[in-house]
ModelCIF file with pLDDT and N, C-alpha, C, O atoms, coordinates in Angstrom:
data_MODEL
#
_entry.id   MODEL 
#
_entity.id                         1 
_entity.type                       polymer 
_entity.pdbx_number_of_molecules   1 
#
_entity_poly.entity_id                      1 
_entity_poly.type                           'polypeptide(L)' 
_entity_poly.nstd_linkage                   no 
_entity_poly.nstd_monomer                   no 
_entity_poly.pdbx_seq_one_letter_code       MTCSHYNIVLDAINNLPQEFSSRELQERCPTVGIN 
_entity_poly.pdbx_seq_one_letter_code_can   MTCSHYNIVLDAINNLPQEFSSRELQERCPTVGIN 
_entity_poly.pdbx_strand_id                 A 
#
loop_
_entity_poly_seq.entity_id 
_entity_poly_seq.num 
_entity_poly_seq.mon_id 
_entity_poly_seq.hetero 
1 1  MET n 
1 2  THR n 
1 3  CYS n 
1 4  SER n 
1 5  HIS n 
1 6  TYR n 
1 7  ASN n 
1 8  ILE n 
1 9  VAL n 
1 10 LEU n 
1 11 ASP n 
1 12 ALA n 
1 13 ILE n 
1 14 ASN n 
1 15 ASN n 
1 16 LEU n 
1 17 PRO n 
1 18 GLN n 
1 19 GLU n 
1 20 PHE n 
1 21 SER n 
1 22 SER n 
1 23 ARG n 
1 24 GLU n 
1 25 LEU n 
1 26 GLN n 
1 27 GLU n 
1 28 ARG n 
1 29 CYS n 
1 30 PRO n 
1 31 THR n 
1 32 VAL n 
1 33 GLY n 
1 34 ILE n 
1 35 ASN n 
#
_struct_asym.id          A 
_struct_asym.entity_id   1 
#
loop_
_ma_qa_metric.id 
_ma_qa_metric.mode 
_ma_qa_metric.name 
_ma_qa_metric.software_group_id 
_ma_qa_metric.type 
1 global pLDDT . pLDDT 
2 local  pLDDT . pLDDT 
#
_ma_qa_metric_global.metric_id      1 
_ma_qa_metric_global.metric_value   91.46 
_ma_qa_metric_global.model_id       1 
_ma_qa_metric_global.ordinal_id     1 
#
loop_
_ma_qa_metric_local.label_asym_id 
_ma_qa_metric_local.label_comp_id 
_ma_qa_metric_local.label_seq_id 
_ma_qa_metric_local.metric_id 
_ma_qa_metric_local.metric_value 
_ma_qa_metric_local.model_id 
_ma_qa_metric_local.ordinal_id 
A MET 1  2 51.00 1 1  
A THR 2  2 61.00 1 2  
A CYS 3  2 78.00 1 3  
A SER 4  2 91.00 1 4  
A HIS 5  2 91.00 1 5  
A TYR 6  2 91.00 1 6  
A ASN 7  2 94.00 1 7  
A ILE 8  2 94.00 1 8  
A VAL 9  2 95.00 1 9  
A LEU 10 2 95.00 1 10 
A ASP 11 2 96.00 1 11 
A ALA 12 2 97.00 1 12 
A ILE 13 2 96.00 1 13 
A ASN 14 2 96.00 1 14 
A ASN 15 2 97.00 1 15 
A LEU 16 2 97.00 1 16 
A PRO 17 2 97.00 1 17 
A GLN 18 2 97.00 1 18 
A GLU 19 2 96.00 1 19 
A PHE 20 2 96.00 1 20 
A SER 21 2 93.00 1 21 
A SER 22 2 90.00 1 22 
A ARG 23 2 91.00 1 23 
A GLU 24 2 93.00 1 24 
A LEU 25 2 93.00 1 25 
A GLN 26 2 93.00 1 26 
A GLU 27 2 94.00 1 27 
A ARG 28 2 95.00 1 28 
A CYS 29 2 95.00 1 29 
A PRO 30 2 94.00 1 30 
A THR 31 2 93.00 1 31 
A VAL 32 2 94.00 1 32 
A GLY 33 2 93.00 1 33 
A ILE 34 2 91.00 1 34 
A ASN 35 2 93.00 1 35 
#
loop_
_atom_site.group_PDB 
_atom_site.id 
_atom_site.type_symbol 
_atom_site.label_atom_id 
_atom_site.label_alt_id 
_atom_site.label_comp_id 
_atom_site.label_asym_id 
_atom_site.label_entity_id 
_atom_site.label_seq_id 
_atom_site.pdbx_PDB_ins_code 
_atom_site.Cartn_x 
_atom_site.Cartn_y 
_atom_site.Cartn_z 
_atom_site.occupancy 
_atom_site.B_iso_or_equiv 
_atom_site.pdbx_formal_charge 
_atom_site.auth_seq_id 
_atom_site.auth_comp_id 
_atom_site.auth_asym_id 
_atom_site.auth_atom_id 
_atom_site.pdbx_PDB_model_num 
ATOM 1   N N  . MET A 1 1  ? -6.263  -24.335 0.010  1.00 51.00 ? 1  MET A N  1 
ATOM 2   C CA . MET A 1 1  ? -5.873  -22.880 0.122  1.00 51.00 ? 1  MET A CA 1 
ATOM 3   C C  . MET A 1 1  ? -5.148  -22.447 1.325  1.00 51.00 ? 1  MET A C  1 
ATOM 4   O O  . MET A 1 1  ? -5.506  -22.669 2.482  1.00 51.00 ? 1  MET A O  1 
ATOM 5   N N  . THR A 1 2  ? -4.263  -21.910 1.009  1.00 61.00 ? 2  THR A N  1 
ATOM 6   C CA . THR A 1 2  ? -3.019  -21.932 1.831  1.00 61.00 ? 2  THR A CA 1 
ATOM 7   C C  . THR A 1 2  ? -3.202  -20.901 2.905  1.00 61.00 ? 2  THR A C  1 
ATOM 8   O O  . THR A 1 2  ? -3.981  -19.952 2.806  1.00 61.00 ? 2  THR A O  1 
ATOM 9   N N  . CYS A 1 3  ? -2.188  -21.228 4.268  1.00 78.00 ? 3  CYS A N  1 
ATOM 10  C CA . CYS A 1 3  ? -2.807  -20.292 5.594  1.00 78.00 ? 3  CYS A CA 1 
ATOM 11  C C  . CYS A 1 3  ? -2.359  -19.238 5.262  1.00 78.00 ? 3  CYS A C  1 
ATOM 12  O O  . CYS A 1 3  ? -3.234  -18.453 5.626  1.00 78.00 ? 3  CYS A O  1 
ATOM 13  N N  . SER A 1 4  ? -1.344  -18.497 4.675  1.00 91.00 ? 4  SER A N  1 
ATOM 14  C CA . SER A 1 4  ? -1.571  -17.312 4.216  1.00 91.00 ? 4  SER A CA 1 
ATOM 15  C C  . SER A 1 4  ? -2.389  -16.655 3.676  1.00 91.00 ? 4  SER A C  1 
ATOM 16  O O  . SER A 1 4  ? -2.512  -15.437 3.807  1.00 91.00 ? 4  SER A O  1 
ATOM 17  N N  . HIS A 1 5  ? -3.249  -17.577 2.802  1.00 91.00 ? 5  HIS A N  1 
ATOM 18  C CA . HIS A 1 5  ? -4.510  -16.587 2.347  1.00 91.00 ? 5  HIS A CA 1 
ATOM 19  C C  . HIS A 1 5  ? -5.612  -16.782 3.168  1.00 91.00 ? 5  HIS A C  1 
ATOM 20  O O  . HIS A 1 5  ? -6.386  -15.871 3.463  1.00 91.00 ? 5  HIS A O  1 
ATOM 21  N N  . TYR A 1 6  ? -5.754  -18.331 3.686  1.00 91.00 ? 6  TYR A N  1 
ATOM 22  C CA . TYR A 1 6  ? -6.550  -17.981 4.554  1.00 91.00 ? 6  TYR A CA 1 
ATOM 23  C C  . TYR A 1 6  ? -6.343  -16.746 5.661  1.00 91.00 ? 6  TYR A C  1 
ATOM 24  O O  . TYR A 1 6  ? -7.392  -16.281 6.108  1.00 91.00 ? 6  TYR A O  1 
ATOM 25  N N  . ASN A 1 7  ? -5.357  -16.292 6.042  1.00 94.00 ? 7  ASN A N  1 
ATOM 26  C CA . ASN A 1 7  ? -5.263  -15.327 6.835  1.00 94.00 ? 7  ASN A CA 1 
ATOM 27  C C  . ASN A 1 7  ? -5.418  -14.136 6.786  1.00 94.00 ? 7  ASN A C  1 
ATOM 28  O O  . ASN A 1 7  ? -5.863  -13.344 7.617  1.00 94.00 ? 7  ASN A O  1 
ATOM 29  N N  . ILE A 1 8  ? -4.892  -13.961 5.397  1.00 94.00 ? 8  ILE A N  1 
ATOM 30  C CA . ILE A 1 8  ? -5.352  -12.280 4.800  1.00 94.00 ? 8  ILE A CA 1 
ATOM 31  C C  . ILE A 1 8  ? -6.662  -12.239 4.753  1.00 94.00 ? 8  ILE A C  1 
ATOM 32  O O  . ILE A 1 8  ? -7.262  -11.328 5.325  1.00 94.00 ? 8  ILE A O  1 
ATOM 33  N N  . VAL A 1 9  ? -7.357  -13.275 4.026  1.00 95.00 ? 9  VAL A N  1 
ATOM 34  C CA . VAL A 1 9  ? -8.991  -12.818 4.275  1.00 95.00 ? 9  VAL A CA 1 
ATOM 35  C C  . VAL A 1 9  ? -9.619  -12.607 5.541  1.00 95.00 ? 9  VAL A C  1 
ATOM 36  O O  . VAL A 1 9  ? -10.510 -11.781 5.739  1.00 95.00 ? 9  VAL A O  1 
ATOM 37  N N  . LEU A 1 10 ? -8.968  -13.625 6.664  1.00 95.00 ? 10 LEU A N  1 
ATOM 38  C CA . LEU A 1 10 ? -10.031 -13.289 7.617  1.00 95.00 ? 10 LEU A CA 1 
ATOM 39  C C  . LEU A 1 10 ? -9.609  -12.438 8.661  1.00 95.00 ? 10 LEU A C  1 
ATOM 40  O O  . LEU A 1 10 ? -10.134 -12.424 9.774  1.00 95.00 ? 10 LEU A O  1 
ATOM 41  N N  . ASP A 1 11 ? -8.345  -11.491 8.189  1.00 96.00 ? 11 ASP A N  1 
ATOM 42  C CA . ASP A 1 11 ? -7.934  -10.178 8.983  1.00 96.00 ? 11 ASP A CA 1 
ATOM 43  C C  . ASP A 1 11 ? -8.501  -9.547  8.148  1.00 96.00 ? 11 ASP A C  1 
ATOM 44  O O  . ASP A 1 11 ? -8.655  -8.562  8.870  1.00 96.00 ? 11 ASP A O  1 
ATOM 45  N N  . ALA A 1 12 ? -9.067  -9.184  7.006  1.00 97.00 ? 12 ALA A N  1 
ATOM 46  C CA . ALA A 1 12 ? -9.690  -8.293  6.070  1.00 97.00 ? 12 ALA A CA 1 
ATOM 47  C C  . ALA A 1 12 ? -11.220 -8.384  6.370  1.00 97.00 ? 12 ALA A C  1 
ATOM 48  O O  . ALA A 1 12 ? -11.946 -7.459  6.004  1.00 97.00 ? 12 ALA A O  1 
ATOM 49  N N  . ILE A 1 13 ? -11.700 -9.390  6.978  1.00 96.00 ? 13 ILE A N  1 
ATOM 50  C CA . ILE A 1 13 ? -13.421 -9.631  7.073  1.00 96.00 ? 13 ILE A CA 1 
ATOM 51  C C  . ILE A 1 13 ? -13.052 -8.741  8.902  1.00 96.00 ? 13 ILE A C  1 
ATOM 52  O O  . ILE A 1 13 ? -13.605 -7.748  9.377  1.00 96.00 ? 13 ILE A O  1 
ATOM 53  N N  . ASN A 1 14 ? -12.350 -9.293  9.280  1.00 96.00 ? 14 ASN A N  1 
ATOM 54  C CA . ASN A 1 14 ? -11.891 -8.746  10.923 1.00 96.00 ? 14 ASN A CA 1 
ATOM 55  C C  . ASN A 1 14 ? -11.984 -6.908  11.022 1.00 96.00 ? 14 ASN A C  1 
ATOM 56  O O  . ASN A 1 14 ? -12.545 -6.108  11.770 1.00 96.00 ? 14 ASN A O  1 
ATOM 57  N N  . ASN A 1 15 ? -11.180 -6.830  9.935  1.00 97.00 ? 15 ASN A N  1 
ATOM 58  C CA . ASN A 1 15 ? -11.153 -5.191  10.129 1.00 97.00 ? 15 ASN A CA 1 
ATOM 59  C C  . ASN A 1 15 ? -12.309 -4.394  8.831  1.00 97.00 ? 15 ASN A C  1 
ATOM 60  O O  . ASN A 1 15 ? -11.944 -3.341  8.309  1.00 97.00 ? 15 ASN A O  1 
ATOM 61  N N  . LEU A 1 16 ? -13.381 -4.902  8.519  1.00 97.00 ? 16 LEU A N  1 
ATOM 62  C CA . LEU A 1 16 ? -14.369 -4.387  7.761  1.00 97.00 ? 16 LEU A CA 1 
ATOM 63  C C  . LEU A 1 16 ? -15.553 -4.321  8.555  1.00 97.00 ? 16 LEU A C  1 
ATOM 64  O O  . LEU A 1 16 ? -15.681 -4.995  9.577  1.00 97.00 ? 16 LEU A O  1 
ATOM 65  N N  . PRO A 1 17 ? -16.213 -3.727  8.233  1.00 97.00 ? 17 PRO A N  1 
ATOM 66  C CA . PRO A 1 17 ? -17.752 -3.165  9.410  1.00 97.00 ? 17 PRO A CA 1 
ATOM 67  C C  . PRO A 1 17 ? -18.326 -4.422  9.318  1.00 97.00 ? 17 PRO A C  1 
ATOM 68  O O  . PRO A 1 17 ? -18.075 -5.355  8.555  1.00 97.00 ? 17 PRO A O  1 
ATOM 69  N N  . GLN A 1 18 ? -19.519 -4.250  10.636 1.00 97.00 ? 18 GLN A N  1 
ATOM 70  C CA . GLN A 1 18 ? -20.273 -5.674  10.825 1.00 97.00 ? 18 GLN A CA 1 
ATOM 71  C C  . GLN A 1 18 ? -20.972 -6.553  9.119  1.00 97.00 ? 18 GLN A C  1 
ATOM 72  O O  . GLN A 1 18 ? -21.176 -7.740  8.861  1.00 97.00 ? 18 GLN A O  1 
ATOM 73  N N  . GLU A 1 19 ? -21.175 -5.132  8.192  1.00 96.00 ? 19 GLU A N  1 
ATOM 74  C CA . GLU A 1 19 ? -21.651 -5.504  7.013  1.00 96.00 ? 19 GLU A CA 1 
ATOM 75  C C  . GLU A 1 19 ? -21.037 -5.053  5.737  1.00 96.00 ? 19 GLU A C  1 
ATOM 76  O O  . GLU A 1 19 ? -21.024 -3.897  5.313  1.00 96.00 ? 19 GLU A O  1 
ATOM 77  N N  . PHE A 1 20 ? -20.461 -6.253  5.103  1.00 96.00 ? 20 PHE A N  1 
ATOM 78  C CA . PHE A 1 20 ? -19.679 -6.037  3.861  1.00 96.00 ? 20 PHE A CA 1 
ATOM 79  C C  . PHE A 1 20 ? -19.967 -6.687  2.689  1.00 96.00 ? 20 PHE A C  1 
ATOM 80  O O  . PHE A 1 20 ? -20.295 -7.873  2.650  1.00 96.00 ? 20 PHE A O  1 
ATOM 81  N N  . SER A 1 21 ? -19.836 -5.796  1.494  1.00 93.00 ? 21 SER A N  1 
ATOM 82  C CA . SER A 1 21 ? -20.229 -6.861  0.004  1.00 93.00 ? 21 SER A CA 1 
ATOM 83  C C  . SER A 1 21 ? -18.915 -7.752  -0.285 1.00 93.00 ? 21 SER A C  1 
ATOM 84  O O  . SER A 1 21 ? -17.817 -7.524  0.222  1.00 93.00 ? 21 SER A O  1 
ATOM 85  N N  . SER A 1 22 ? -19.168 -8.674  -1.071 1.00 90.00 ? 22 SER A N  1 
ATOM 86  C CA . SER A 1 22 ? -17.974 -9.696  -1.573 1.00 90.00 ? 22 SER A CA 1 
ATOM 87  C C  . SER A 1 22 ? -16.861 -8.791  -2.293 1.00 90.00 ? 22 SER A C  1 
ATOM 88  O O  . SER A 1 22 ? -15.697 -9.171  -2.421 1.00 90.00 ? 22 SER A O  1 
ATOM 89  N N  . ARG A 1 23 ? -17.335 -7.568  -2.746 1.00 91.00 ? 23 ARG A N  1 
ATOM 90  C CA . ARG A 1 23 ? -16.670 -6.957  -3.743 1.00 91.00 ? 23 ARG A CA 1 
ATOM 91  C C  . ARG A 1 23 ? -15.708 -6.467  -2.655 1.00 91.00 ? 23 ARG A C  1 
ATOM 92  O O  . ARG A 1 23 ? -14.557 -6.905  -2.642 1.00 91.00 ? 23 ARG A O  1 
ATOM 93  N N  . GLU A 1 24 ? -16.154 -5.515  -1.674 1.00 93.00 ? 24 GLU A N  1 
ATOM 94  C CA . GLU A 1 24 ? -15.338 -4.910  -0.487 1.00 93.00 ? 24 GLU A CA 1 
ATOM 95  C C  . GLU A 1 24 ? -14.246 -6.015  -0.236 1.00 93.00 ? 24 GLU A C  1 
ATOM 96  O O  . GLU A 1 24 ? -13.072 -5.909  -0.590 1.00 93.00 ? 24 GLU A O  1 
ATOM 97  N N  . LEU A 1 25 ? -14.757 -7.019  0.379  1.00 93.00 ? 25 LEU A N  1 
ATOM 98  C CA . LEU A 1 25 ? -13.295 -8.142  0.616  1.00 93.00 ? 25 LEU A CA 1 
ATOM 99  C C  . LEU A 1 25 ? -12.460 -8.286  -0.557 1.00 93.00 ? 25 LEU A C  1 
ATOM 100 O O  . LEU A 1 25 ? -11.244 -8.104  -0.492 1.00 93.00 ? 25 LEU A O  1 
ATOM 101 N N  . GLN A 1 26 ? -13.267 -8.718  -2.008 1.00 93.00 ? 26 GLN A N  1 
ATOM 102 C CA . GLN A 1 26 ? -11.949 -8.817  -2.778 1.00 93.00 ? 26 GLN A CA 1 
ATOM 103 C C  . GLN A 1 26 ? -10.999 -7.614  -3.490 1.00 93.00 ? 26 GLN A C  1 
ATOM 104 O O  . GLN A 1 26 ? -10.124 -7.747  -4.345 1.00 93.00 ? 26 GLN A O  1 
ATOM 105 N N  . GLU A 1 27 ? -11.456 -6.475  -2.871 1.00 94.00 ? 27 GLU A N  1 
ATOM 106 C CA . GLU A 1 27 ? -10.770 -5.162  -3.021 1.00 94.00 ? 27 GLU A CA 1 
ATOM 107 C C  . GLU A 1 27 ? -9.752  -5.019  -2.218 1.00 94.00 ? 27 GLU A C  1 
ATOM 108 O O  . GLU A 1 27 ? -8.823  -4.304  -2.595 1.00 94.00 ? 27 GLU A O  1 
ATOM 109 N N  . ARG A 1 28 ? -9.683  -5.808  -0.641 1.00 95.00 ? 28 ARG A N  1 
ATOM 110 C CA . ARG A 1 28 ? -9.146  -5.848  0.431  1.00 95.00 ? 28 ARG A CA 1 
ATOM 111 C C  . ARG A 1 28 ? -8.133  -7.284  -0.160 1.00 95.00 ? 28 ARG A C  1 
ATOM 112 O O  . ARG A 1 28 ? -6.932  -7.015  -0.128 1.00 95.00 ? 28 ARG A O  1 
ATOM 113 N N  . CYS A 1 29 ? -8.325  -8.139  -0.466 1.00 95.00 ? 29 CYS A N  1 
ATOM 114 C CA . CYS A 1 29 ? -7.644  -9.612  -0.782 1.00 95.00 ? 29 CYS A CA 1 
ATOM 115 C C  . CYS A 1 29 ? -6.942  -8.999  -1.787 1.00 95.00 ? 29 CYS A C  1 
ATOM 116 O O  . CYS A 1 29 ? -7.046  -7.938  -1.172 1.00 95.00 ? 29 CYS A O  1 
ATOM 117 N N  . PRO A 1 30 ? -6.329  -8.686  -2.754 1.00 94.00 ? 30 PRO A N  1 
ATOM 118 C CA . PRO A 1 30 ? -6.207  -8.187  -4.408 1.00 94.00 ? 30 PRO A CA 1 
ATOM 119 C C  . PRO A 1 30 ? -4.969  -9.920  -4.568 1.00 94.00 ? 30 PRO A C  1 
ATOM 120 O O  . PRO A 1 30 ? -4.899  -10.635 -5.568 1.00 94.00 ? 30 PRO A O  1 
ATOM 121 N N  . THR A 1 31 ? -4.434  -10.056 -3.649 1.00 93.00 ? 31 THR A N  1 
ATOM 122 C CA . THR A 1 31 ? -3.518  -11.521 -3.848 1.00 93.00 ? 31 THR A CA 1 
ATOM 123 C C  . THR A 1 31 ? -4.550  -13.093 -4.123 1.00 93.00 ? 31 THR A C  1 
ATOM 124 O O  . THR A 1 31 ? -4.387  -13.998 -4.942 1.00 93.00 ? 31 THR A O  1 
ATOM 125 N N  . VAL A 1 32 ? -5.434  -12.930 -3.231 1.00 94.00 ? 32 VAL A N  1 
ATOM 126 C CA . VAL A 1 32 ? -6.310  -14.056 -2.998 1.00 94.00 ? 32 VAL A CA 1 
ATOM 127 C C  . VAL A 1 32 ? -7.343  -14.207 -4.047 1.00 94.00 ? 32 VAL A C  1 
ATOM 128 O O  . VAL A 1 32 ? -8.201  -13.362 -4.302 1.00 94.00 ? 32 VAL A O  1 
ATOM 129 N N  . GLY A 1 33 ? -7.175  -15.511 -4.719 1.00 93.00 ? 33 GLY A N  1 
ATOM 130 C CA . GLY A 1 33 ? -8.583  -15.616 -5.980 1.00 93.00 ? 33 GLY A CA 1 
ATOM 131 C C  . GLY A 1 33 ? -9.860  -15.388 -5.345 1.00 93.00 ? 33 GLY A C  1 
ATOM 132 O O  . GLY A 1 33 ? -10.022 -15.214 -4.137 1.00 93.00 ? 33 GLY A O  1 
ATOM 133 N N  . ILE A 1 34 ? -11.000 -15.400 -6.475 1.00 91.00 ? 34 ILE A N  1 
ATOM 134 C CA . ILE A 1 34 ? -11.879 -15.099 -5.768 1.00 91.00 ? 34 ILE A CA 1 
ATOM 135 C C  . ILE A 1 34 ? -12.825 -16.080 -5.128 1.00 91.00 ? 34 ILE A C  1 
ATOM 136 O O  . ILE A 1 34 ? -13.700 -15.972 -4.268 1.00 91.00 ? 34 ILE A O  1 
ATOM 137 N N  . ASN A 1 35 ? -12.157 -17.469 -6.127 1.00 93.00 ? 35 ASN A N  1 
ATOM 138 C CA . ASN A 1 35 ? -12.962 -18.850 -5.685 1.00 93.00 ? 35 ASN A CA 1 
ATOM 139 C C  . ASN A 1 35 ? -11.948 -19.091 -4.228 1.00 93.00 ? 35 ASN A C  1 
ATOM 140 O O  . ASN A 1 35 ? -12.149 -20.054 -3.489 1.00 93.00 ? 35 ASN A O  1 
#
């Protein structure tokens, strides 16, 4: 995992509500693979 992908996903998690779905996270990180 590259540092930029890591940061993209962490930023998305931080900006999502307290509870979120995997699908919501995927939609916010379209350039990051599901794995």
